């Protein structure tokens, strides 16, 4: 009788551990799938940036440092391999693109150029889609991280090497975005 009770407890614990493990795997896969959606938007963004830089270069040839920083950040983002490396590289690219936006304010002729306007519209569309898929990715990451960190699933997560994962946040951009916009007439 005691042997049956012990065997029953072992079976219940095994089923419990397997179900938690399977849930963690599903959440990890959901997170990776969410990042695949981000990758699609990042590829489109990376393809548009050289076109934008060349258009700007024609007008702002003496702003070489800003344009070189954007191209360098873009190349770093394209060459990043892991999800964590891509997050860091994309935050650097976003920062470089912000610097280019500031530079563009000095070129009213460029802002009226049809090619530039079309590129800006395409990039704006990609950035909006990117923001949307980032939110979904962060939601999937939060759900995964919660499962990894809460008891009792944290025990199973620790046994099988699941760890808390990085969110895709604004990084250095957060401080700049928290400032009120400056309006000039």
N, C-alpha and C. Protein backbone atom coordinates (compact mmCIF):
# COMPACT_ATOMS: atom_id res chain seq x y z
N UNK A 1 0.82 -1.20 0.00
CA UNK A 1 0.00 0.00 0.00
C UNK A 1 0.87 1.26 0.00
N UNK A 2 1.88 1.30 0.85
CA UNK A 2 2.78 2.46 0.92
C UNK A 2 3.51 2.65 -0.40
N UNK A 3 3.90 1.55 -1.01
CA UNK A 3 4.58 1.62 -2.30
C UNK A 3 3.67 2.24 -3.36
N UNK A 4 2.39 1.91 -3.36
CA UNK A 4 1.45 2.48 -4.32
C UNK A 4 1.26 3.98 -4.09
N UNK A 5 1.23 4.39 -2.83
CA UNK A 5 1.09 5.83 -2.52
C UNK A 5 2.33 6.58 -2.99
N UNK A 6 3.51 6.05 -2.71
CA UNK A 6 4.76 6.69 -3.14
C UNK A 6 4.82 6.72 -4.66
N UNK A 7 4.47 5.61 -5.31
CA UNK A 7 4.45 5.56 -6.76
C UNK A 7 3.45 6.57 -7.34
N UNK A 8 2.29 6.69 -6.72
CA UNK A 8 1.29 7.67 -7.14
C UNK A 8 1.81 9.09 -7.02
N UNK A 9 2.48 9.41 -5.92
CA UNK A 9 3.05 10.75 -5.72
C UNK A 9 4.12 11.04 -6.75
N UNK A 10 4.97 10.05 -7.03
CA UNK A 10 6.03 10.22 -8.04
C UNK A 10 5.40 10.48 -9.41
N UNK A 11 4.37 9.74 -9.74
CA UNK A 11 3.71 9.92 -11.05
C UNK A 11 3.07 11.30 -11.13
N UNK A 12 2.40 11.73 -10.07
CA UNK A 12 1.77 13.06 -10.05
C UNK A 12 2.84 14.15 -10.21
N UNK A 13 3.95 14.02 -9.49
CA UNK A 13 5.03 15.00 -9.60
C UNK A 13 5.64 15.01 -11.01
N UNK A 14 5.80 13.83 -11.59
CA UNK A 14 6.36 13.75 -12.95
C UNK A 14 5.43 14.42 -13.96
N UNK A 15 4.13 14.15 -13.86
CA UNK A 15 3.16 14.78 -14.76
C UNK A 15 3.16 16.29 -14.56
N UNK A 16 3.22 16.71 -13.31
CA UNK A 16 3.26 18.15 -12.99
C UNK A 16 4.50 18.80 -13.61
N UNK A 17 5.69 18.18 -13.44
CA UNK A 17 6.94 18.73 -13.99
C UNK A 17 6.89 18.78 -15.52
N UNK A 18 6.36 17.73 -16.13
CA UNK A 18 6.26 17.70 -17.60
C UNK A 18 5.32 18.79 -18.09
N UNK A 19 4.22 19.00 -17.42
CA UNK A 19 3.29 20.04 -17.87
C UNK A 19 3.90 21.43 -17.72
N UNK A 20 4.63 21.66 -16.65
CA UNK A 20 5.31 22.96 -16.49
C UNK A 20 6.39 23.11 -17.55
N UNK A 21 7.17 22.09 -17.78
CA UNK A 21 8.21 22.14 -18.81
C UNK A 21 7.60 22.46 -20.17
N UNK A 22 6.53 21.77 -20.51
CA UNK A 22 5.87 22.01 -21.81
C UNK A 22 5.36 23.44 -21.90
N UNK A 23 4.82 23.98 -20.83
CA UNK A 23 4.34 25.37 -20.82
C UNK A 23 5.51 26.33 -21.05
N UNK A 24 6.64 26.08 -20.39
CA UNK A 24 7.82 26.93 -20.57
C UNK A 24 8.32 26.87 -22.01
N UNK A 25 8.33 25.70 -22.60
CA UNK A 25 8.76 25.56 -23.99
C UNK A 25 7.82 26.34 -24.91
N UNK A 26 6.51 26.24 -24.69
CA UNK A 26 5.54 26.98 -25.51
C UNK A 26 5.75 28.49 -25.38
N UNK A 27 5.98 28.94 -24.14
CA UNK A 27 6.19 30.38 -23.93
C UNK A 27 7.49 30.85 -24.59
N UNK A 28 8.54 30.04 -24.50
CA UNK A 28 9.81 30.40 -25.15
C UNK A 28 9.63 30.47 -26.66
N UNK A 29 8.92 29.48 -27.22
CA UNK A 29 8.68 29.47 -28.66
C UNK A 29 7.82 30.65 -29.09
N UNK A 30 6.85 31.02 -28.27
CA UNK A 30 6.01 32.19 -28.55
C UNK A 30 6.86 33.46 -28.59
N UNK A 31 7.81 33.57 -27.65
CA UNK A 31 8.71 34.72 -27.62
C UNK A 31 9.58 34.75 -28.88
N UNK A 32 10.13 33.60 -29.26
CA UNK A 32 10.96 33.54 -30.46
C UNK A 32 10.16 33.85 -31.71
N UNK A 33 8.92 33.40 -31.77
CA UNK A 33 8.05 33.72 -32.89
C UNK A 33 7.76 35.22 -32.94
N UNK A 34 7.56 35.81 -31.77
CA UNK A 34 7.33 37.26 -31.71
C UNK A 34 8.55 38.00 -32.22
N UNK A 35 9.74 37.51 -31.91
CA UNK A 35 10.95 38.18 -32.41
C UNK A 35 11.09 37.99 -33.92
N UNK A 36 10.62 36.88 -34.45
CA UNK A 36 10.65 36.68 -35.90
C UNK A 36 9.82 37.76 -36.59
N UNK A 37 8.70 38.15 -35.98
CA UNK A 37 7.90 39.26 -36.53
C UNK A 37 8.69 40.56 -36.51
N UNK A 38 9.44 40.77 -35.44
CA UNK A 38 10.30 41.97 -35.35
C UNK A 38 11.36 41.90 -36.44
N UNK A 39 11.95 40.73 -36.64
CA UNK A 39 13.00 40.57 -37.65
C UNK A 39 12.52 40.98 -39.04
N UNK A 40 11.28 40.66 -39.37
CA UNK A 40 10.73 41.04 -40.68
C UNK A 40 10.73 42.56 -40.81
N UNK A 41 10.25 43.25 -39.77
CA UNK A 41 10.20 44.72 -39.82
C UNK A 41 11.61 45.31 -39.80
N UNK A 42 12.52 44.70 -39.05
CA UNK A 42 13.90 45.20 -39.01
C UNK A 42 14.56 45.06 -40.37
N UNK A 43 14.31 43.97 -41.06
CA UNK A 43 14.88 43.77 -42.40
C UNK A 43 14.39 44.87 -43.34
N UNK A 44 13.11 45.17 -43.26
CA UNK A 44 12.55 46.23 -44.10
C UNK A 44 13.18 47.57 -43.73
N UNK A 45 13.34 47.81 -42.44
CA UNK A 45 13.97 49.05 -41.96
C UNK A 45 15.41 49.14 -42.47
N UNK A 46 16.15 48.03 -42.37
CA UNK A 46 17.55 48.01 -42.80
C UNK A 46 17.66 48.25 -44.30
N UNK A 47 16.70 47.78 -45.07
CA UNK A 47 16.72 47.98 -46.52
C UNK A 47 16.43 49.44 -46.89
N UNK A 48 15.60 50.11 -46.10
CA UNK A 48 15.23 51.50 -46.41
C UNK A 48 16.30 52.51 -45.99
N UNK A 49 17.05 52.20 -44.96
CA UNK A 49 18.00 53.17 -44.41
C UNK A 49 19.05 53.61 -45.44
N UNK A 50 19.69 52.70 -46.18
CA UNK A 50 20.68 53.17 -47.17
C UNK A 50 20.07 54.13 -48.20
N UNK A 51 18.82 53.88 -48.60
CA UNK A 51 18.16 54.78 -49.54
C UNK A 51 17.97 56.17 -48.92
N UNK A 52 17.54 56.18 -47.68
CA UNK A 52 17.34 57.45 -46.98
C UNK A 52 18.67 58.19 -46.83
N UNK A 53 19.70 57.47 -46.44
CA UNK A 53 21.02 58.10 -46.24
C UNK A 53 21.53 58.69 -47.55
N UNK A 54 21.38 57.97 -48.65
CA UNK A 54 21.85 58.49 -49.94
C UNK A 54 21.06 59.73 -50.36
N UNK A 55 19.77 59.73 -50.10
CA UNK A 55 18.95 60.91 -50.41
C UNK A 55 19.41 62.11 -49.59
N UNK A 56 19.62 61.87 -48.30
CA UNK A 56 20.07 62.96 -47.42
C UNK A 56 21.47 63.40 -47.79
N UNK A 57 22.34 62.46 -48.13
CA UNK A 57 23.73 62.77 -48.46
C UNK A 57 23.80 63.77 -49.61
N UNK A 58 22.89 63.66 -50.58
CA UNK A 58 22.89 64.60 -51.69
C UNK A 58 22.66 66.04 -51.23
N UNK A 59 21.89 66.23 -50.18
CA UNK A 59 21.60 67.56 -49.67
C UNK A 59 22.56 67.98 -48.56
N UNK A 60 22.97 67.03 -47.76
CA UNK A 60 23.72 67.36 -46.54
C UNK A 60 25.08 66.69 -46.56
N UNK A 61 25.84 66.94 -47.61
CA UNK A 61 27.11 66.24 -47.77
C UNK A 61 28.09 66.53 -46.63
N UNK A 62 27.97 67.69 -45.99
CA UNK A 62 28.91 68.00 -44.90
C UNK A 62 28.48 67.40 -43.56
N UNK A 63 27.37 66.68 -43.53
CA UNK A 63 26.91 66.01 -42.31
C UNK A 63 27.37 64.55 -42.31
N UNK A 64 28.57 64.34 -42.82
CA UNK A 64 29.11 62.99 -43.00
C UNK A 64 29.13 62.18 -41.71
N UNK A 65 29.51 62.79 -40.61
CA UNK A 65 29.63 62.05 -39.34
C UNK A 65 28.29 61.44 -38.92
N UNK A 66 27.22 62.22 -39.02
CA UNK A 66 25.90 61.72 -38.65
C UNK A 66 25.49 60.57 -39.57
N UNK A 67 25.69 60.74 -40.87
CA UNK A 67 25.31 59.70 -41.83
C UNK A 67 26.16 58.44 -41.64
N UNK A 68 27.46 58.62 -41.37
CA UNK A 68 28.32 57.46 -41.13
C UNK A 68 27.88 56.71 -39.87
N UNK A 69 27.45 57.43 -38.84
CA UNK A 69 26.99 56.80 -37.60
C UNK A 69 25.73 55.97 -37.87
N UNK A 70 24.83 56.49 -38.71
CA UNK A 70 23.62 55.74 -39.05
C UNK A 70 23.98 54.47 -39.82
N UNK A 71 24.85 54.59 -40.81
CA UNK A 71 25.25 53.42 -41.60
C UNK A 71 25.97 52.40 -40.72
N UNK A 72 26.85 52.86 -39.85
CA UNK A 72 27.57 51.96 -38.96
C UNK A 72 26.61 51.23 -38.02
N UNK A 73 25.66 51.96 -37.47
CA UNK A 73 24.67 51.34 -36.58
C UNK A 73 23.79 50.36 -37.35
N UNK A 74 23.44 50.70 -38.56
CA UNK A 74 22.63 49.80 -39.40
C UNK A 74 23.40 48.52 -39.68
N UNK A 75 24.69 48.65 -40.03
CA UNK A 75 25.50 47.47 -40.30
C UNK A 75 25.64 46.59 -39.05
N UNK A 76 25.80 47.22 -37.90
CA UNK A 76 25.87 46.47 -36.65
C UNK A 76 24.57 45.72 -36.38
N UNK A 77 23.45 46.35 -36.69
CA UNK A 77 22.15 45.72 -36.49
C UNK A 77 21.94 44.56 -37.45
N UNK A 78 22.38 44.72 -38.69
CA UNK A 78 22.24 43.65 -39.68
C UNK A 78 23.09 42.45 -39.29
N UNK A 79 24.26 42.69 -38.72
CA UNK A 79 25.19 41.60 -38.40
C UNK A 79 24.96 40.97 -37.03
N UNK A 80 24.09 41.52 -36.21
CA UNK A 80 23.82 40.94 -34.89
C UNK A 80 23.19 39.57 -35.06
N UNK A 81 23.59 38.64 -34.21
CA UNK A 81 23.14 37.25 -34.36
C UNK A 81 22.07 36.86 -33.34
N UNK A 82 22.34 37.03 -32.06
CA UNK A 82 21.38 36.57 -31.04
C UNK A 82 20.28 37.62 -30.84
N UNK A 83 19.20 37.20 -30.22
CA UNK A 83 18.10 38.14 -29.94
C UNK A 83 18.60 39.28 -29.06
N UNK A 84 19.38 38.97 -28.02
CA UNK A 84 19.89 40.01 -27.13
C UNK A 84 20.81 40.98 -27.87
N UNK A 85 21.69 40.46 -28.75
CA UNK A 85 22.58 41.32 -29.54
C UNK A 85 21.77 42.21 -30.48
N UNK A 86 20.72 41.65 -31.07
CA UNK A 86 19.88 42.44 -31.98
C UNK A 86 19.16 43.56 -31.23
N UNK A 87 18.72 43.28 -30.03
CA UNK A 87 18.04 44.31 -29.24
C UNK A 87 18.99 45.46 -28.97
N UNK A 88 20.22 45.16 -28.55
CA UNK A 88 21.21 46.20 -28.27
C UNK A 88 21.54 46.98 -29.54
N UNK A 89 21.77 46.26 -30.63
CA UNK A 89 22.14 46.91 -31.90
C UNK A 89 21.00 47.79 -32.43
N UNK A 90 19.77 47.33 -32.30
CA UNK A 90 18.63 48.11 -32.77
C UNK A 90 18.44 49.38 -31.94
N UNK A 91 18.71 49.31 -30.65
CA UNK A 91 18.64 50.50 -29.82
C UNK A 91 19.68 51.52 -30.25
N UNK A 92 20.88 51.05 -30.64
CA UNK A 92 21.92 51.95 -31.14
C UNK A 92 21.49 52.57 -32.48
N UNK A 93 20.87 51.77 -33.33
CA UNK A 93 20.39 52.28 -34.62
C UNK A 93 19.30 53.32 -34.42
N UNK A 94 18.38 53.05 -33.51
CA UNK A 94 17.32 54.01 -33.22
C UNK A 94 17.92 55.33 -32.74
N UNK A 95 18.94 55.26 -31.92
CA UNK A 95 19.62 56.46 -31.43
C UNK A 95 20.28 57.22 -32.59
N UNK A 96 20.94 56.50 -33.48
CA UNK A 96 21.59 57.13 -34.63
C UNK A 96 20.56 57.78 -35.55
N UNK A 97 19.43 57.11 -35.76
CA UNK A 97 18.38 57.69 -36.60
C UNK A 97 17.81 58.96 -35.98
N UNK A 98 17.72 58.99 -34.67
CA UNK A 98 17.25 60.20 -33.99
C UNK A 98 18.20 61.36 -34.25
N UNK A 99 19.49 61.07 -34.23
CA UNK A 99 20.49 62.11 -34.54
C UNK A 99 20.34 62.61 -35.95
N UNK A 100 19.98 61.73 -36.87
CA UNK A 100 19.79 62.14 -38.25
C UNK A 100 18.54 63.01 -38.39
N UNK A 101 17.50 62.69 -37.64
CA UNK A 101 16.28 63.52 -37.70
C UNK A 101 16.57 64.95 -37.27
N UNK A 102 17.40 65.10 -36.26
CA UNK A 102 17.77 66.44 -35.79
C UNK A 102 18.54 67.17 -36.87
N UNK A 103 19.46 66.47 -37.54
CA UNK A 103 20.25 67.06 -38.62
C UNK A 103 19.35 67.53 -39.76
N UNK A 104 18.30 66.78 -40.06
CA UNK A 104 17.42 67.09 -41.18
C UNK A 104 16.66 68.40 -41.00
N UNK A 105 16.48 68.81 -39.77
CA UNK A 105 15.75 70.06 -39.52
C UNK A 105 16.41 71.25 -40.21
N UNK A 106 17.70 71.16 -40.48
CA UNK A 106 18.43 72.28 -41.09
C UNK A 106 18.28 72.32 -42.61
N UNK A 107 17.53 71.39 -43.21
CA UNK A 107 17.45 71.29 -44.66
C UNK A 107 16.01 71.35 -45.16
N UNK A 108 15.43 72.56 -45.27
CA UNK A 108 14.04 72.67 -45.71
C UNK A 108 13.83 72.16 -47.14
N UNK A 109 14.83 72.34 -48.02
CA UNK A 109 14.68 71.84 -49.39
C UNK A 109 14.57 70.32 -49.42
N UNK A 110 15.34 69.68 -48.58
CA UNK A 110 15.30 68.22 -48.51
C UNK A 110 13.93 67.76 -48.04
N UNK A 111 13.39 68.43 -47.05
CA UNK A 111 12.09 68.02 -46.51
C UNK A 111 10.97 68.19 -47.53
N UNK A 112 11.19 68.96 -48.59
CA UNK A 112 10.19 69.14 -49.63
C UNK A 112 10.42 68.19 -50.82
N UNK A 113 11.55 67.49 -50.85
CA UNK A 113 11.89 66.59 -51.94
C UNK A 113 10.97 65.37 -51.93
N UNK A 114 10.38 65.04 -53.09
CA UNK A 114 9.39 63.97 -53.18
C UNK A 114 9.98 62.61 -52.79
N UNK A 115 11.20 62.30 -53.27
CA UNK A 115 11.84 61.03 -52.91
C UNK A 115 12.03 60.92 -51.41
N UNK A 116 12.46 62.02 -50.81
CA UNK A 116 12.69 62.03 -49.37
C UNK A 116 11.37 61.83 -48.63
N UNK A 117 10.34 62.51 -49.07
CA UNK A 117 9.04 62.38 -48.42
C UNK A 117 8.51 60.96 -48.49
N UNK A 118 8.68 60.33 -49.66
CA UNK A 118 8.23 58.95 -49.81
C UNK A 118 9.02 58.01 -48.90
N UNK A 119 10.34 58.20 -48.84
CA UNK A 119 11.15 57.37 -47.95
C UNK A 119 10.77 57.59 -46.49
N UNK A 120 10.55 58.84 -46.12
CA UNK A 120 10.15 59.14 -44.74
C UNK A 120 8.82 58.46 -44.41
N UNK A 121 7.90 58.47 -45.36
CA UNK A 121 6.60 57.83 -45.14
C UNK A 121 6.77 56.32 -44.98
N UNK A 122 7.61 55.71 -45.82
CA UNK A 122 7.85 54.27 -45.71
C UNK A 122 8.52 53.93 -44.38
N UNK A 123 9.51 54.72 -43.98
CA UNK A 123 10.20 54.47 -42.72
C UNK A 123 9.25 54.68 -41.55
N UNK A 124 8.42 55.69 -41.63
CA UNK A 124 7.44 55.92 -40.57
C UNK A 124 6.50 54.74 -40.45
N UNK A 125 6.06 54.19 -41.58
CA UNK A 125 5.19 53.02 -41.58
C UNK A 125 5.90 51.83 -40.94
N UNK A 126 7.15 51.60 -41.32
CA UNK A 126 7.91 50.49 -40.75
C UNK A 126 8.11 50.70 -39.25
N UNK A 127 8.42 51.93 -38.84
CA UNK A 127 8.63 52.21 -37.42
C UNK A 127 7.35 51.97 -36.62
N UNK A 128 6.20 52.32 -37.19
CA UNK A 128 4.92 52.06 -36.50
C UNK A 128 4.66 50.56 -36.37
N UNK A 129 4.92 49.82 -37.44
CA UNK A 129 4.76 48.37 -37.38
C UNK A 129 5.75 47.76 -36.39
N UNK A 130 6.96 48.29 -36.40
CA UNK A 130 8.00 47.81 -35.48
C UNK A 130 7.59 48.05 -34.03
N UNK A 131 7.02 49.20 -33.76
CA UNK A 131 6.55 49.49 -32.39
C UNK A 131 5.48 48.49 -31.98
N UNK A 132 4.61 48.15 -32.90
CA UNK A 132 3.55 47.20 -32.60
C UNK A 132 4.10 45.81 -32.30
N UNK A 133 5.00 45.32 -33.14
CA UNK A 133 5.54 43.99 -32.91
C UNK A 133 6.47 43.95 -31.70
N UNK A 134 7.11 45.09 -31.39
CA UNK A 134 7.91 45.16 -30.15
C UNK A 134 7.01 45.01 -28.93
N UNK A 135 5.85 45.65 -28.96
CA UNK A 135 4.92 45.51 -27.84
C UNK A 135 4.50 44.05 -27.67
N UNK A 136 4.21 43.40 -28.78
CA UNK A 136 3.83 41.99 -28.71
C UNK A 136 4.99 41.14 -28.18
N UNK A 137 6.20 41.41 -28.68
CA UNK A 137 7.38 40.68 -28.22
C UNK A 137 7.59 40.88 -26.72
N UNK A 138 7.48 42.12 -26.26
CA UNK A 138 7.66 42.39 -24.83
C UNK A 138 6.58 41.71 -24.00
N UNK A 139 5.37 41.64 -24.52
CA UNK A 139 4.31 40.93 -23.82
C UNK A 139 4.63 39.44 -23.72
N UNK A 140 5.09 38.85 -24.82
CA UNK A 140 5.47 37.44 -24.81
C UNK A 140 6.66 37.20 -23.88
N UNK A 141 7.60 38.13 -23.87
CA UNK A 141 8.77 38.01 -22.99
C UNK A 141 8.35 38.12 -21.54
N UNK A 142 7.44 39.05 -21.24
CA UNK A 142 6.96 39.20 -19.86
C UNK A 142 6.27 37.93 -19.39
N UNK A 143 5.45 37.37 -20.23
CA UNK A 143 4.74 36.14 -19.88
C UNK A 143 5.73 35.00 -19.63
N UNK A 144 6.74 34.90 -20.49
CA UNK A 144 7.78 33.87 -20.32
C UNK A 144 8.56 34.12 -19.03
N UNK A 145 9.00 35.36 -18.81
CA UNK A 145 9.78 35.69 -17.61
C UNK A 145 8.98 35.42 -16.34
N UNK A 146 7.70 35.75 -16.36
CA UNK A 146 6.86 35.46 -15.19
C UNK A 146 6.84 33.96 -14.90
N UNK A 147 6.69 33.16 -15.95
CA UNK A 147 6.66 31.71 -15.77
C UNK A 147 8.00 31.18 -15.25
N UNK A 148 9.09 31.79 -15.70
CA UNK A 148 10.42 31.35 -15.26
C UNK A 148 10.67 31.73 -13.80
N UNK A 149 10.11 32.85 -13.36
CA UNK A 149 10.45 33.37 -12.05
C UNK A 149 9.49 32.98 -10.92
N UNK A 150 8.25 32.62 -11.22
CA UNK A 150 7.30 32.33 -10.15
C UNK A 150 7.41 30.88 -9.70
N UNK A 151 7.16 30.70 -8.44
CA UNK A 151 7.17 29.36 -7.86
C UNK A 151 5.83 28.71 -8.13
N UNK A 152 5.75 27.51 -8.47
CA UNK A 152 6.73 26.44 -8.48
C UNK A 152 7.41 26.23 -9.84
N UNK A 153 6.95 26.94 -10.89
CA UNK A 153 7.56 26.70 -12.20
C UNK A 153 9.02 27.14 -12.24
N UNK A 154 9.44 28.02 -11.34
CA UNK A 154 10.85 28.42 -11.28
C UNK A 154 11.75 27.23 -10.97
N UNK A 155 11.25 26.28 -10.23
CA UNK A 155 12.03 25.08 -9.90
C UNK A 155 12.30 24.29 -11.18
N UNK A 156 11.26 24.04 -11.97
CA UNK A 156 11.41 23.31 -13.23
C UNK A 156 12.26 24.12 -14.20
N UNK A 157 12.04 25.43 -14.26
CA UNK A 157 12.81 26.29 -15.16
C UNK A 157 14.30 26.21 -14.82
N UNK A 158 14.62 26.26 -13.54
CA UNK A 158 16.02 26.16 -13.12
C UNK A 158 16.63 24.82 -13.48
N UNK A 159 15.87 23.76 -13.33
CA UNK A 159 16.37 22.41 -13.64
C UNK A 159 16.68 22.25 -15.12
N UNK A 160 15.94 22.92 -15.97
CA UNK A 160 16.11 22.74 -17.42
C UNK A 160 16.77 23.95 -18.10
N UNK A 161 17.31 24.87 -17.34
CA UNK A 161 18.11 25.95 -17.92
C UNK A 161 17.31 27.11 -18.52
N UNK A 162 16.04 27.20 -18.22
CA UNK A 162 15.28 28.37 -18.68
C UNK A 162 15.72 29.55 -17.83
N UNK A 163 15.90 30.71 -18.45
CA UNK A 163 16.32 31.90 -17.71
C UNK A 163 15.50 33.11 -18.14
N UNK A 164 15.52 34.12 -17.31
CA UNK A 164 14.82 35.36 -17.63
C UNK A 164 15.44 35.96 -18.90
N UNK A 165 14.59 36.45 -19.79
CA UNK A 165 15.06 36.98 -21.08
C UNK A 165 14.93 38.50 -21.11
N UNK A 166 15.68 39.09 -22.03
CA UNK A 166 15.73 40.55 -22.18
C UNK A 166 14.50 41.08 -22.91
N UNK A 167 13.99 42.21 -22.43
CA UNK A 167 12.88 42.90 -23.11
C UNK A 167 13.47 43.77 -24.22
N UNK A 168 12.65 44.16 -25.16
CA UNK A 168 13.06 45.06 -26.24
C UNK A 168 12.55 46.45 -25.88
N UNK A 169 13.32 47.15 -25.06
CA UNK A 169 12.87 48.46 -24.59
C UNK A 169 13.58 49.57 -25.35
N UNK A 170 13.35 50.79 -24.93
CA UNK A 170 13.89 51.95 -25.62
C UNK A 170 15.34 52.24 -25.27
N UNK A 171 15.87 51.62 -24.24
CA UNK A 171 17.26 51.82 -23.86
C UNK A 171 17.55 53.29 -23.59
N UNK A 172 18.57 53.80 -24.26
CA UNK A 172 19.02 55.18 -24.08
C UNK A 172 17.97 56.19 -24.54
N UNK A 173 17.07 55.78 -25.42
CA UNK A 173 16.06 56.68 -25.97
C UNK A 173 15.02 57.11 -24.94
N UNK A 174 14.83 56.31 -23.90
CA UNK A 174 13.77 56.57 -22.93
C UNK A 174 13.85 57.99 -22.36
N UNK A 175 15.03 58.44 -21.96
CA UNK A 175 15.17 59.76 -21.36
C UNK A 175 14.77 60.86 -22.34
N UNK A 176 15.18 60.71 -23.60
CA UNK A 176 14.84 61.72 -24.61
C UNK A 176 13.34 61.75 -24.87
N UNK A 177 12.71 60.60 -24.85
CA UNK A 177 11.28 60.55 -25.15
C UNK A 177 10.43 61.02 -23.99
N UNK A 178 10.99 61.03 -22.79
CA UNK A 178 10.21 61.48 -21.63
C UNK A 178 10.19 63.01 -21.52
N UNK A 179 11.05 63.68 -22.29
CA UNK A 179 11.04 65.14 -22.32
C UNK A 179 9.84 65.63 -23.15
N UNK A 180 9.29 66.74 -22.73
CA UNK A 180 8.19 67.32 -23.51
C UNK A 180 8.75 67.83 -24.83
N UNK A 181 8.00 67.69 -25.93
CA UNK A 181 8.48 68.18 -27.21
C UNK A 181 8.57 69.69 -27.22
N UNK A 182 9.57 70.20 -27.94
CA UNK A 182 9.75 71.64 -28.10
C UNK A 182 9.05 72.08 -29.36
N UNK A 183 8.16 73.02 -29.24
CA UNK A 183 7.38 73.50 -30.37
C UNK A 183 7.91 74.87 -30.76
N UNK A 184 8.25 75.02 -32.05
CA UNK A 184 8.78 76.27 -32.56
C UNK A 184 7.90 76.78 -33.69
N UNK A 185 7.69 78.08 -33.71
CA UNK A 185 6.90 78.70 -34.79
C UNK A 185 7.75 79.61 -35.61
